[in-house]
Amino acid sequence: METPVEIEVHGINVLPAIGEVLEGHIGELASGSGRIITSGRIVVTGSAHRHRSGGLYDMRIHRALPDRGEIAVDRIDHGDERYSDIHFASNDTFKRARRLLQAEARRLRGQTKHYEPRPASTIASIDPSGEFGFITTPDIQQICFHRNNVLKGAFDRLEPGVHVTFAE
């Protein structure tokens, strides 16, 4: 990482143990991501009205990526009571950040899932009984299909020459 991570804290006093936990998580992200991350910012907000119990921690992580924008982890669900524990809040938020960084690393290595487009063809004929038909594929093969194989009950709208997509 080229620039040190900024840590902002609002509404709480950070104990040394909490600071060490955050630094440990930051180190794990940096070591696991290689040169993907160029800078980062962590914002921890605690409730100003905590009294004896209650109040949820809000933790946000923004990590800059070279020429790729940024990865942002913002906890939106303010009703999850587990976030009243700072350790849970930090573990969960950094776990989400790790997953996003792993996905970005896979994308950069070209290891993303590739989906083949569905083959497109035309309806060659429909049997006069109205129970099945034939599709002619681009390589001039004929594939038989039954009316139950047509999605959304659209068999009655099919006629020869209609372009369709299919899965074998």
Protein backbone atom coordinates (compact mmCIF):
# COMPACT_ATOMS: atom_id res chain seq x y z
CA MET A 1 0.00 0.00 0.00
CA GLU A 2 1.40 3.38 -0.98
CA THR A 3 -0.54 5.66 1.38
CA PRO A 4 -1.24 4.84 5.04
CA VAL A 5 -4.83 4.08 5.97
CA GLU A 6 -6.77 6.90 7.60
CA ILE A 7 -8.86 5.90 10.63
CA GLU A 8 -11.60 8.30 11.73
CA VAL A 9 -13.56 7.75 14.92
CA HIS A 10 -16.76 9.63 15.81
CA GLY A 11 -18.78 9.44 19.00
CA ILE A 12 -16.63 6.89 20.87
CA ASN A 13 -13.32 6.60 22.65
CA VAL A 14 -11.08 4.04 21.01
CA LEU A 15 -9.40 1.79 23.52
CA PRO A 16 -5.90 0.57 22.66
CA ALA A 17 -7.23 -2.98 22.24
CA ILE A 18 -9.78 -1.80 19.65
CA GLY A 19 -7.08 0.13 17.81
CA GLU A 20 -4.96 -3.03 17.70
CA VAL A 21 -7.89 -5.04 16.31
CA LEU A 22 -8.43 -2.46 13.55
CA GLU A 23 -4.70 -2.37 12.74
CA GLY A 24 -4.67 -6.18 12.55
CA HIS A 25 -7.59 -6.18 10.11
CA ILE A 26 -5.89 -3.49 8.02
CA GLY A 27 -2.71 -5.57 7.90
CA GLU A 28 -4.66 -8.65 6.77
CA LEU A 29 -6.32 -6.69 3.96
CA ALA A 30 -3.00 -5.23 2.82
CA SER A 31 -1.16 -8.56 2.87
CA GLY A 32 -3.97 -10.45 1.16
CA SER A 33 -4.45 -7.97 -1.65
CA GLY A 34 -0.89 -7.46 -2.88
CA ARG A 35 -0.56 -4.28 -4.90
CA ILE A 36 -4.28 -3.87 -5.58
CA ILE A 37 -4.86 -1.30 -2.81
CA THR A 38 -3.26 2.12 -3.07
CA SER A 39 -4.92 3.89 -0.11
CA GLY A 40 -7.77 3.54 2.32
CA ARG A 41 -10.03 5.11 4.87
CA ILE A 42 -11.94 3.60 7.77
CA VAL A 43 -14.69 5.45 9.60
CA VAL A 44 -16.00 4.09 12.91
CA THR A 45 -19.05 5.81 14.38
CA GLY A 46 -20.58 5.00 17.73
CA SER A 47 -23.87 6.11 19.13
CA ALA A 48 -23.65 9.25 21.23
CA HIS A 49 -26.59 7.94 23.31
CA ARG A 50 -25.17 4.61 24.48
CA HIS A 51 -25.83 4.99 28.24
CA ARG A 52 -25.50 1.50 29.76
CA SER A 53 -26.26 -0.58 26.69
CA GLY A 54 -27.57 -0.20 23.19
CA GLY A 55 -26.38 1.87 20.34
CA LEU A 56 -24.88 0.32 17.27
CA TYR A 57 -21.46 0.84 15.79
CA ASP A 58 -21.33 1.93 12.20
CA MET A 59 -18.15 1.00 10.35
CA ARG A 60 -17.34 2.01 6.80
CA ILE A 61 -14.32 1.02 4.74
CA HIS A 62 -13.27 2.75 1.54
CA ARG A 63 -10.23 1.35 -0.27
CA ALA A 64 -8.81 3.01 -3.38
CA LEU A 65 -7.74 0.81 -6.27
CA PRO A 66 -5.37 1.90 -9.02
CA ASP A 67 -7.37 3.00 -12.07
CA ARG A 68 -10.34 0.98 -10.84
CA GLY A 69 -12.25 3.32 -8.57
CA GLU A 70 -12.75 2.08 -5.04
CA ILE A 71 -14.18 -0.70 -2.95
CA ALA A 72 -16.66 0.56 -0.39
CA VAL A 73 -18.16 -1.41 2.48
CA ASP A 74 -20.99 0.48 4.12
CA ARG A 75 -23.23 -1.28 6.61
CA ILE A 76 -26.79 -0.28 5.85
CA ASP A 77 -28.85 -2.52 8.18
CA HIS A 78 -29.16 -0.42 11.34
CA GLY A 79 -31.49 -2.94 12.98
CA ASP A 80 -28.88 -5.70 13.50
CA GLU A 81 -28.24 -5.76 17.26
CA ARG A 82 -24.99 -7.68 16.80
CA TYR A 83 -23.43 -4.37 15.73
CA SER A 84 -23.65 -3.18 19.35
CA ASP A 85 -20.40 -5.16 19.84
CA ILE A 86 -17.42 -3.33 18.31
CA HIS A 87 -15.57 -6.61 17.74
CA PHE A 88 -18.45 -8.09 15.75
CA ALA A 89 -18.87 -4.86 13.78
CA SER A 90 -15.19 -4.77 12.81
CA ASN A 91 -14.95 -8.49 12.02
CA ASP A 92 -18.06 -8.45 9.83
CA THR A 93 -17.14 -5.25 7.99
CA PHE A 94 -13.59 -6.38 7.26
CA LYS A 95 -14.85 -9.80 6.15
CA ARG A 96 -17.03 -8.05 3.58
CA ALA A 97 -14.06 -5.95 2.46
CA ARG A 98 -11.92 -9.10 2.04
CA ARG A 99 -14.60 -10.70 -0.14
CA LEU A 100 -14.80 -7.62 -2.36
CA LEU A 101 -11.01 -7.48 -2.70
CA GLN A 102 -10.84 -11.19 -3.55
CA ALA A 103 -13.49 -10.69 -6.23
CA GLU A 104 -11.53 -7.74 -7.65
CA ALA A 105 -8.30 -9.77 -7.65
CA ARG A 106 -10.06 -12.60 -9.53
CA ARG A 107 -11.39 -10.08 -12.03
CA LEU A 108 -7.91 -8.64 -12.59
CA ARG A 109 -6.47 -12.14 -13.13
CA GLY A 110 -9.23 -12.93 -15.61
CA GLN A 111 -10.70 -15.67 -13.43
CA THR A 112 -14.29 -14.50 -13.59
CA LYS A 113 -17.10 -16.80 -14.64
CA HIS A 114 -17.83 -16.75 -18.31
CA TYR A 115 -21.30 -17.62 -19.48
CA GLU A 116 -21.87 -18.81 -23.01
CA PRO A 117 -24.80 -17.11 -24.69
CA ARG A 118 -27.81 -19.30 -25.30
CA PRO A 119 -27.96 -20.61 -28.85
CA ALA A 120 -30.47 -18.87 -31.09
CA SER A 121 -32.40 -20.68 -33.81
CA THR A 122 -35.66 -20.67 -35.67
CA ILE A 123 -38.72 -22.84 -35.41
CA ALA A 124 -38.65 -25.25 -38.37
CA SER A 125 -42.09 -26.78 -37.91
CA ILE A 126 -44.87 -27.45 -35.43
CA ASP A 127 -46.59 -30.85 -35.50
CA PRO A 128 -50.28 -30.59 -36.50
CA SER A 129 -51.28 -32.33 -33.26
CA GLY A 130 -49.87 -29.31 -31.40
CA GLU A 131 -47.81 -31.35 -28.95
CA PHE A 132 -44.26 -30.91 -30.30
CA GLY A 133 -42.15 -29.06 -32.81
CA PHE A 134 -38.68 -28.85 -34.33
CA ILE A 135 -35.97 -26.20 -34.08
CA THR A 136 -33.36 -25.82 -36.82
CA THR A 137 -29.97 -24.87 -35.34
CA PRO A 138 -27.39 -22.71 -37.17
CA ASP A 139 -25.38 -25.86 -37.96
CA ILE A 140 -28.49 -27.34 -39.69
CA GLN A 141 -29.42 -29.85 -37.00
CA GLN A 142 -33.03 -30.49 -36.03
CA ILE A 143 -33.95 -30.53 -32.35
CA CYS A 144 -37.31 -31.85 -31.23
CA PHE A 145 -39.12 -30.12 -28.35
CA HIS A 146 -42.38 -30.82 -26.52
CA ARG A 147 -44.95 -28.19 -25.61
CA ASN A 148 -44.07 -28.72 -21.91
CA ASN A 149 -40.49 -27.57 -22.66
CA VAL A 150 -41.65 -24.10 -23.74
CA LEU A 151 -41.54 -21.49 -20.98
CA LYS A 152 -44.56 -19.50 -19.81
CA GLY A 153 -47.02 -21.56 -21.86
CA ALA A 154 -45.95 -19.79 -25.07
CA PHE A 155 -46.16 -22.92 -27.25
CA ASP A 156 -49.40 -21.74 -28.90
CA ARG A 157 -47.67 -18.53 -30.09
CA LEU A 158 -44.89 -20.44 -31.87
CA GLU A 159 -44.97 -20.84 -35.63
CA PRO A 160 -42.39 -21.73 -38.28
CA GLY A 161 -39.79 -18.99 -38.80
CA VAL A 162 -40.00 -17.52 -35.27
CA HIS A 163 -36.58 -16.86 -33.74
CA VAL A 164 -36.07 -18.53 -30.34
CA THR A 165 -33.30 -19.23 -27.84
CA PHE A 166 -32.98 -22.64 -26.23
CA ALA A 167 -30.94 -24.75 -23.83
CA GLU A 168 -30.05 -28.34 -24.56
